[in-house]
Amino acid sequence: MVLIVVAALLLGVLAGFLILAPRDRKSGHTEKAQSDLNDNKEPKTYNKTEVLLHNKRTDCWIIIKNKVYDITSYVEEHPGGDAILAHAGDDSTEGFFGPQHATRVFDMIEDFYIGDLKH
């Protein structure tokens, strides 16, 4: 009996989410689908001076292989603690590809990509 009640509650929550999820009124697509279409534009470019301004725990950008990443939201979650701040606002390529990182970081980092470094 308890299992049936729990299952019914879960189904209710899922149904509510599907009904209340934001939608584009014209096409019926969710906002996420629409934002994915906008992501196909040219990446933004930053120069080294711009990246250097983002060099603290509460505003942290890094460069990895000439790509710029805003990792501010990840700083507190970093398993290596403050080691992530060693190259805040600077090039972190060498540290990123160090032996301490599992291969999953190579997929994870793309979530933080904001643009390319201008040469």
N, C-alpha and C. Protein backbone atom coordinates (compact mmCIF):
# COMPACT_ATOMS: atom_id res chain seq x y z
N MET A 1 0.82 -1.19 0.00
CA MET A 1 0.00 0.00 0.00
C MET A 1 0.87 1.26 0.00
N VAL A 2 1.89 1.29 0.85
CA VAL A 2 2.78 2.45 0.93
C VAL A 2 3.50 2.64 -0.41
N LEU A 3 3.89 1.55 -1.03
CA LEU A 3 4.59 1.60 -2.32
C LEU A 3 3.70 2.24 -3.39
N ILE A 4 2.43 1.91 -3.38
CA ILE A 4 1.49 2.48 -4.35
C ILE A 4 1.34 3.99 -4.13
N VAL A 5 1.27 4.42 -2.89
CA VAL A 5 1.14 5.84 -2.57
C VAL A 5 2.39 6.60 -3.02
N VAL A 6 3.57 6.05 -2.76
CA VAL A 6 4.83 6.69 -3.16
C VAL A 6 4.90 6.78 -4.68
N ALA A 7 4.54 5.71 -5.38
CA ALA A 7 4.57 5.71 -6.84
C ALA A 7 3.59 6.75 -7.39
N ALA A 8 2.42 6.86 -6.80
CA ALA A 8 1.43 7.84 -7.24
C ALA A 8 1.94 9.27 -7.03
N LEU A 9 2.59 9.51 -5.91
CA LEU A 9 3.15 10.84 -5.64
C LEU A 9 4.23 11.19 -6.66
N LEU A 10 5.11 10.25 -6.96
CA LEU A 10 6.16 10.49 -7.95
C LEU A 10 5.58 10.78 -9.32
N LEU A 11 4.59 10.01 -9.73
CA LEU A 11 3.94 10.26 -11.02
C LEU A 11 3.27 11.62 -11.04
N GLY A 12 2.66 12.01 -9.94
CA GLY A 12 2.03 13.33 -9.85
C GLY A 12 3.03 14.45 -10.00
N VAL A 13 4.18 14.32 -9.35
CA VAL A 13 5.23 15.34 -9.44
C VAL A 13 5.75 15.43 -10.87
N LEU A 14 6.00 14.29 -11.50
CA LEU A 14 6.48 14.30 -12.89
C LEU A 14 5.45 14.92 -13.83
N ALA A 15 4.20 14.55 -13.66
CA ALA A 15 3.14 15.12 -14.50
C ALA A 15 3.04 16.63 -14.31
N GLY A 16 3.15 17.07 -13.08
CA GLY A 16 3.12 18.50 -12.79
C GLY A 16 4.26 19.25 -13.45
N PHE A 17 5.43 18.65 -13.42
CA PHE A 17 6.59 19.27 -14.05
C PHE A 17 6.38 19.41 -15.55
N LEU A 18 5.87 18.36 -16.19
CA LEU A 18 5.65 18.40 -17.63
C LEU A 18 4.60 19.44 -18.01
N ILE A 19 3.61 19.59 -17.18
CA ILE A 19 2.55 20.56 -17.46
C ILE A 19 3.04 21.99 -17.24
N LEU A 20 3.86 22.20 -16.21
CA LEU A 20 4.29 23.55 -15.85
C LEU A 20 5.60 23.97 -16.49
N ALA A 21 6.29 23.07 -17.21
CA ALA A 21 7.58 23.42 -17.84
C ALA A 21 7.35 24.56 -18.83
N PRO A 22 8.25 25.59 -18.80
CA PRO A 22 8.09 26.73 -19.71
C PRO A 22 8.15 26.27 -21.16
N ARG A 23 7.27 26.83 -21.97
CA ARG A 23 7.24 26.46 -23.38
C ARG A 23 7.20 27.72 -24.23
N ASP A 24 7.74 27.59 -25.42
CA ASP A 24 7.64 28.64 -26.42
C ASP A 24 6.22 28.53 -26.99
N ARG A 25 5.43 29.57 -26.88
CA ARG A 25 4.02 29.50 -27.26
C ARG A 25 3.81 29.21 -28.74
N LYS A 26 4.69 29.71 -29.60
CA LYS A 26 4.50 29.52 -31.04
C LYS A 26 4.81 28.10 -31.48
N SER A 27 5.92 27.55 -31.01
CA SER A 27 6.36 26.25 -31.52
C SER A 27 6.07 25.09 -30.58
N GLY A 28 5.80 25.38 -29.29
CA GLY A 28 5.57 24.30 -28.34
C GLY A 28 6.86 23.71 -27.80
N HIS A 29 8.01 24.21 -28.22
CA HIS A 29 9.29 23.72 -27.72
C HIS A 29 9.59 24.33 -26.37
N THR A 30 10.33 23.61 -25.55
CA THR A 30 10.72 24.18 -24.27
C THR A 30 11.77 25.25 -24.50
N GLU A 31 11.99 26.08 -23.47
CA GLU A 31 13.01 27.14 -23.57
C GLU A 31 14.39 26.56 -23.80
N LYS A 32 14.68 25.40 -23.22
CA LYS A 32 15.99 24.76 -23.39
C LYS A 32 16.23 24.45 -24.87
N ALA A 33 15.24 23.90 -25.53
CA ALA A 33 15.38 23.57 -26.95
C ALA A 33 15.67 24.85 -27.75
N GLN A 34 14.99 25.94 -27.40
CA GLN A 34 15.21 27.20 -28.09
C GLN A 34 16.62 27.72 -27.83
N SER A 35 17.11 27.61 -26.60
CA SER A 35 18.45 28.10 -26.30
C SER A 35 19.51 27.25 -27.00
N ASP A 36 19.23 25.97 -27.23
CA ASP A 36 20.18 25.13 -27.96
C ASP A 36 20.35 25.64 -29.39
N LEU A 37 19.28 26.16 -29.97
CA LEU A 37 19.38 26.71 -31.32
C LEU A 37 20.26 27.95 -31.33
N ASN A 38 20.19 28.76 -30.28
CA ASN A 38 20.99 29.96 -30.19
C ASN A 38 22.46 29.67 -29.93
N ASP A 39 22.77 28.48 -29.44
CA ASP A 39 24.15 28.13 -29.13
C ASP A 39 24.99 27.86 -30.37
N ASN A 40 24.38 27.83 -31.54
CA ASN A 40 25.11 27.52 -32.77
C ASN A 40 25.81 28.74 -33.36
N LYS A 41 25.75 29.89 -32.70
CA LYS A 41 26.40 31.08 -33.22
C LYS A 41 27.90 31.04 -32.91
N GLU A 42 28.63 31.95 -33.50
CA GLU A 42 30.08 32.07 -33.33
C GLU A 42 30.44 32.24 -31.87
N PRO A 43 31.47 31.52 -31.39
CA PRO A 43 31.86 31.69 -29.99
C PRO A 43 32.42 33.09 -29.73
N LYS A 44 32.21 33.58 -28.54
CA LYS A 44 32.74 34.87 -28.13
C LYS A 44 34.25 34.74 -27.96
N THR A 45 34.97 35.81 -28.17
CA THR A 45 36.42 35.78 -27.96
C THR A 45 36.80 36.76 -26.86
N TYR A 46 37.83 36.37 -26.11
CA TYR A 46 38.34 37.18 -25.00
C TYR A 46 39.84 37.32 -25.16
N ASN A 47 40.37 38.47 -24.75
CA ASN A 47 41.83 38.59 -24.75
C ASN A 47 42.34 38.25 -23.36
N LYS A 48 43.63 38.05 -23.26
CA LYS A 48 44.27 37.63 -22.01
C LYS A 48 43.97 38.62 -20.87
N THR A 49 43.95 39.90 -21.17
CA THR A 49 43.69 40.92 -20.16
C THR A 49 42.28 40.77 -19.57
N GLU A 50 41.31 40.48 -20.43
CA GLU A 50 39.94 40.28 -19.95
C GLU A 50 39.86 39.08 -19.01
N VAL A 51 40.53 38.01 -19.37
CA VAL A 51 40.49 36.79 -18.55
C VAL A 51 41.18 37.04 -17.21
N LEU A 52 42.27 37.78 -17.20
CA LEU A 52 43.01 38.07 -15.97
C LEU A 52 42.17 38.78 -14.91
N LEU A 53 41.14 39.50 -15.33
CA LEU A 53 40.28 40.21 -14.38
C LEU A 53 39.42 39.25 -13.53
N HIS A 54 39.28 38.02 -13.99
CA HIS A 54 38.43 37.03 -13.32
C HIS A 54 39.31 36.04 -12.57
N ASN A 55 39.93 36.51 -11.49
CA ASN A 55 40.98 35.73 -10.84
C ASN A 55 40.73 35.46 -9.35
N LYS A 56 39.46 35.37 -8.97
CA LYS A 56 39.17 35.11 -7.56
C LYS A 56 38.10 34.04 -7.41
N ARG A 57 37.96 33.58 -6.20
CA ARG A 57 37.02 32.50 -5.88
C ARG A 57 35.60 32.80 -6.37
N THR A 58 35.17 34.05 -6.23
CA THR A 58 33.80 34.42 -6.58
C THR A 58 33.64 34.87 -8.03
N ASP A 59 34.71 34.84 -8.77
CA ASP A 59 34.70 35.21 -10.19
C ASP A 59 35.94 34.59 -10.83
N CYS A 60 35.82 33.35 -11.26
CA CYS A 60 36.99 32.57 -11.67
C CYS A 60 36.87 32.04 -13.09
N TRP A 61 37.73 32.57 -13.96
CA TRP A 61 37.84 32.08 -15.33
C TRP A 61 39.20 31.44 -15.48
N ILE A 62 39.28 30.45 -16.35
CA ILE A 62 40.57 29.84 -16.67
C ILE A 62 40.66 29.62 -18.18
N ILE A 63 41.88 29.41 -18.64
CA ILE A 63 42.14 29.12 -20.04
C ILE A 63 42.68 27.70 -20.12
N ILE A 64 42.12 26.92 -21.02
CA ILE A 64 42.63 25.57 -21.29
C ILE A 64 42.69 25.41 -22.80
N LYS A 65 43.89 25.23 -23.31
CA LYS A 65 44.11 25.07 -24.76
C LYS A 65 43.40 26.16 -25.56
N ASN A 66 43.64 27.40 -25.17
CA ASN A 66 43.12 28.59 -25.85
C ASN A 66 41.59 28.70 -25.86
N LYS A 67 40.94 28.03 -24.94
CA LYS A 67 39.51 28.18 -24.74
C LYS A 67 39.30 28.75 -23.34
N VAL A 68 38.29 29.58 -23.18
CA VAL A 68 38.02 30.25 -21.91
C VAL A 68 36.82 29.60 -21.24
N TYR A 69 36.98 29.34 -19.93
CA TYR A 69 35.95 28.69 -19.15
C TYR A 69 35.66 29.51 -17.89
N ASP A 70 34.38 29.71 -17.59
CA ASP A 70 33.97 30.36 -16.35
C ASP A 70 33.64 29.24 -15.36
N ILE A 71 34.56 28.98 -14.44
CA ILE A 71 34.39 27.87 -13.49
C ILE A 71 33.96 28.35 -12.11
N THR A 72 33.49 29.58 -12.01
CA THR A 72 33.10 30.15 -10.73
C THR A 72 32.17 29.23 -9.94
N SER A 73 31.17 28.69 -10.61
CA SER A 73 30.19 27.86 -9.91
C SER A 73 30.75 26.51 -9.47
N TYR A 74 31.93 26.15 -9.97
CA TYR A 74 32.53 24.85 -9.63
C TYR A 74 33.61 24.94 -8.55
N VAL A 75 34.10 26.13 -8.29
CA VAL A 75 35.23 26.31 -7.36
C VAL A 75 34.99 25.61 -6.02
N GLU A 76 33.84 25.82 -5.42
CA GLU A 76 33.56 25.22 -4.11
C GLU A 76 33.40 23.70 -4.17
N GLU A 77 33.05 23.16 -5.32
CA GLU A 77 32.85 21.72 -5.47
C GLU A 77 34.12 20.98 -5.84
N HIS A 78 35.16 21.70 -6.23
CA HIS A 78 36.39 21.07 -6.72
C HIS A 78 36.98 20.12 -5.68
N PRO A 79 37.13 18.84 -6.04
CA PRO A 79 37.65 17.86 -5.08
C PRO A 79 39.06 18.19 -4.58
N GLY A 80 39.82 18.93 -5.38
CA GLY A 80 41.18 19.30 -4.99
C GLY A 80 41.25 20.59 -4.20
N GLY A 81 40.10 21.06 -3.71
CA GLY A 81 40.07 22.28 -2.91
C GLY A 81 40.52 23.50 -3.68
N ASP A 82 41.33 24.33 -3.03
CA ASP A 82 41.76 25.60 -3.61
C ASP A 82 42.81 25.45 -4.71
N ALA A 83 43.23 24.25 -5.00
CA ALA A 83 44.20 24.05 -6.09
C ALA A 83 43.66 24.59 -7.41
N ILE A 84 42.36 24.59 -7.54
CA ILE A 84 41.73 25.10 -8.77
C ILE A 84 41.98 26.60 -8.94
N LEU A 85 42.28 27.28 -7.84
CA LEU A 85 42.50 28.73 -7.90
C LEU A 85 43.95 29.10 -8.23
N ALA A 86 44.83 28.12 -8.31
CA ALA A 86 46.25 28.39 -8.56
C ALA A 86 46.48 29.18 -9.84
N HIS A 87 45.66 28.96 -10.83
CA HIS A 87 45.81 29.67 -12.11
C HIS A 87 44.53 30.43 -12.48
N ALA A 88 43.80 30.88 -11.48
CA ALA A 88 42.58 31.65 -11.73
C ALA A 88 42.92 32.87 -12.57
N GLY A 89 42.17 33.09 -13.64
CA GLY A 89 42.42 34.21 -14.53
C GLY A 89 43.60 33.99 -15.45
N ASP A 90 44.09 32.79 -15.53
CA ASP A 90 45.29 32.50 -16.31
C ASP A 90 45.16 31.15 -17.00
N ASP A 91 46.26 30.71 -17.61
CA ASP A 91 46.27 29.44 -18.34
C ASP A 91 46.42 28.27 -17.38
N SER A 92 45.45 27.37 -17.41
CA SER A 92 45.43 26.19 -16.53
C SER A 92 45.62 24.89 -17.30
N THR A 93 46.08 24.99 -18.54
CA THR A 93 46.19 23.81 -19.40
C THR A 93 47.03 22.72 -18.75
N GLU A 94 48.20 23.06 -18.27
CA GLU A 94 49.10 22.05 -17.70
C GLU A 94 48.48 21.36 -16.49
N GLY A 95 47.91 22.13 -15.58
CA GLY A 95 47.29 21.55 -14.40
C GLY A 95 46.07 20.71 -14.74
N PHE A 96 45.29 21.17 -15.71
CA PHE A 96 44.09 20.45 -16.10
C PHE A 96 44.40 19.06 -16.64
N PHE A 97 45.47 18.96 -17.40
CA PHE A 97 45.83 17.67 -18.00
C PHE A 97 46.77 16.85 -17.11
N GLY A 98 46.87 17.24 -15.84
CA GLY A 98 47.72 16.51 -14.89
C GLY A 98 47.14 15.16 -14.52
N PRO A 99 47.94 14.31 -13.90
CA PRO A 99 47.52 12.94 -13.58
C PRO A 99 46.44 12.86 -12.49
N GLN A 100 46.19 13.95 -11.79
CA GLN A 100 45.22 13.94 -10.70
C GLN A 100 43.78 13.93 -11.19
N HIS A 101 43.55 14.21 -12.47
CA HIS A 101 42.19 14.30 -12.98
C HIS A 101 41.74 13.02 -13.65
N ALA A 102 40.52 12.60 -13.32
CA ALA A 102 39.91 11.46 -13.99
C ALA A 102 39.45 11.91 -15.38
N THR A 103 39.24 10.97 -16.26
CA THR A 103 38.87 11.31 -17.64
C THR A 103 37.54 12.03 -17.74
N ARG A 104 36.67 11.92 -16.74
CA ARG A 104 35.37 12.59 -16.81
C ARG A 104 35.48 14.11 -16.82
N VAL A 105 36.60 14.66 -16.34
CA VAL A 105 36.75 16.12 -16.36
C VAL A 105 36.79 16.67 -17.79
N PHE A 106 37.20 15.84 -18.73
CA PHE A 106 37.29 16.29 -20.12
C PHE A 106 35.89 16.54 -20.69
N ASP A 107 34.91 15.79 -20.24
CA ASP A 107 33.53 16.02 -20.65
C ASP A 107 32.91 17.14 -19.82
N MET A 108 33.20 17.16 -18.54
CA MET A 108 32.63 18.13 -17.61
C MET A 108 33.01 19.57 -17.96
N ILE A 109 34.23 19.79 -18.38
CA ILE A 109 34.72 21.15 -18.59
C ILE A 109 33.92 21.89 -19.65
N GLU A 110 33.38 21.18 -20.60
CA GLU A 110 32.63 21.83 -21.67
C GLU A 110 31.39 22.56 -21.17
N ASP A 111 30.87 22.16 -20.02
CA ASP A 111 29.71 22.84 -19.44
C ASP A 111 30.06 24.27 -19.02
N PHE A 112 31.34 24.57 -18.87
CA PHE A 112 31.79 25.87 -18.38
C PHE A 112 32.37 26.75 -19.50
N TYR A 113 32.39 26.25 -20.72
CA TYR A 113 32.97 26.96 -21.86
C TYR A 113 32.19 28.24 -22.15
N ILE A 114 32.93 29.38 -22.27
CA ILE A 114 32.27 30.65 -22.60
C ILE A 114 32.84 31.30 -23.85
N GLY A 115 33.97 30.83 -24.36
CA GLY A 115 34.52 31.42 -25.57
C GLY A 115 35.96 31.03 -25.82
N ASP A 116 36.54 31.67 -26.81
CA ASP A 116 37.91 31.38 -27.21
C ASP A 116 38.85 32.53 -26.83
N LEU A 117 40.11 32.19 -26.67
CA LEU A 117 41.13 33.20 -26.37
C LEU A 117 41.59 33.84 -27.66
N LYS A 118 41.59 35.17 -27.70
CA LYS A 118 42.12 35.92 -28.85
C LYS A 118 43.62 35.84 -28.84
N HIS A 119 44.19 35.65 -30.00
CA HIS A 119 45.67 35.61 -30.08
C HIS A 119 46.23 36.94 -30.44
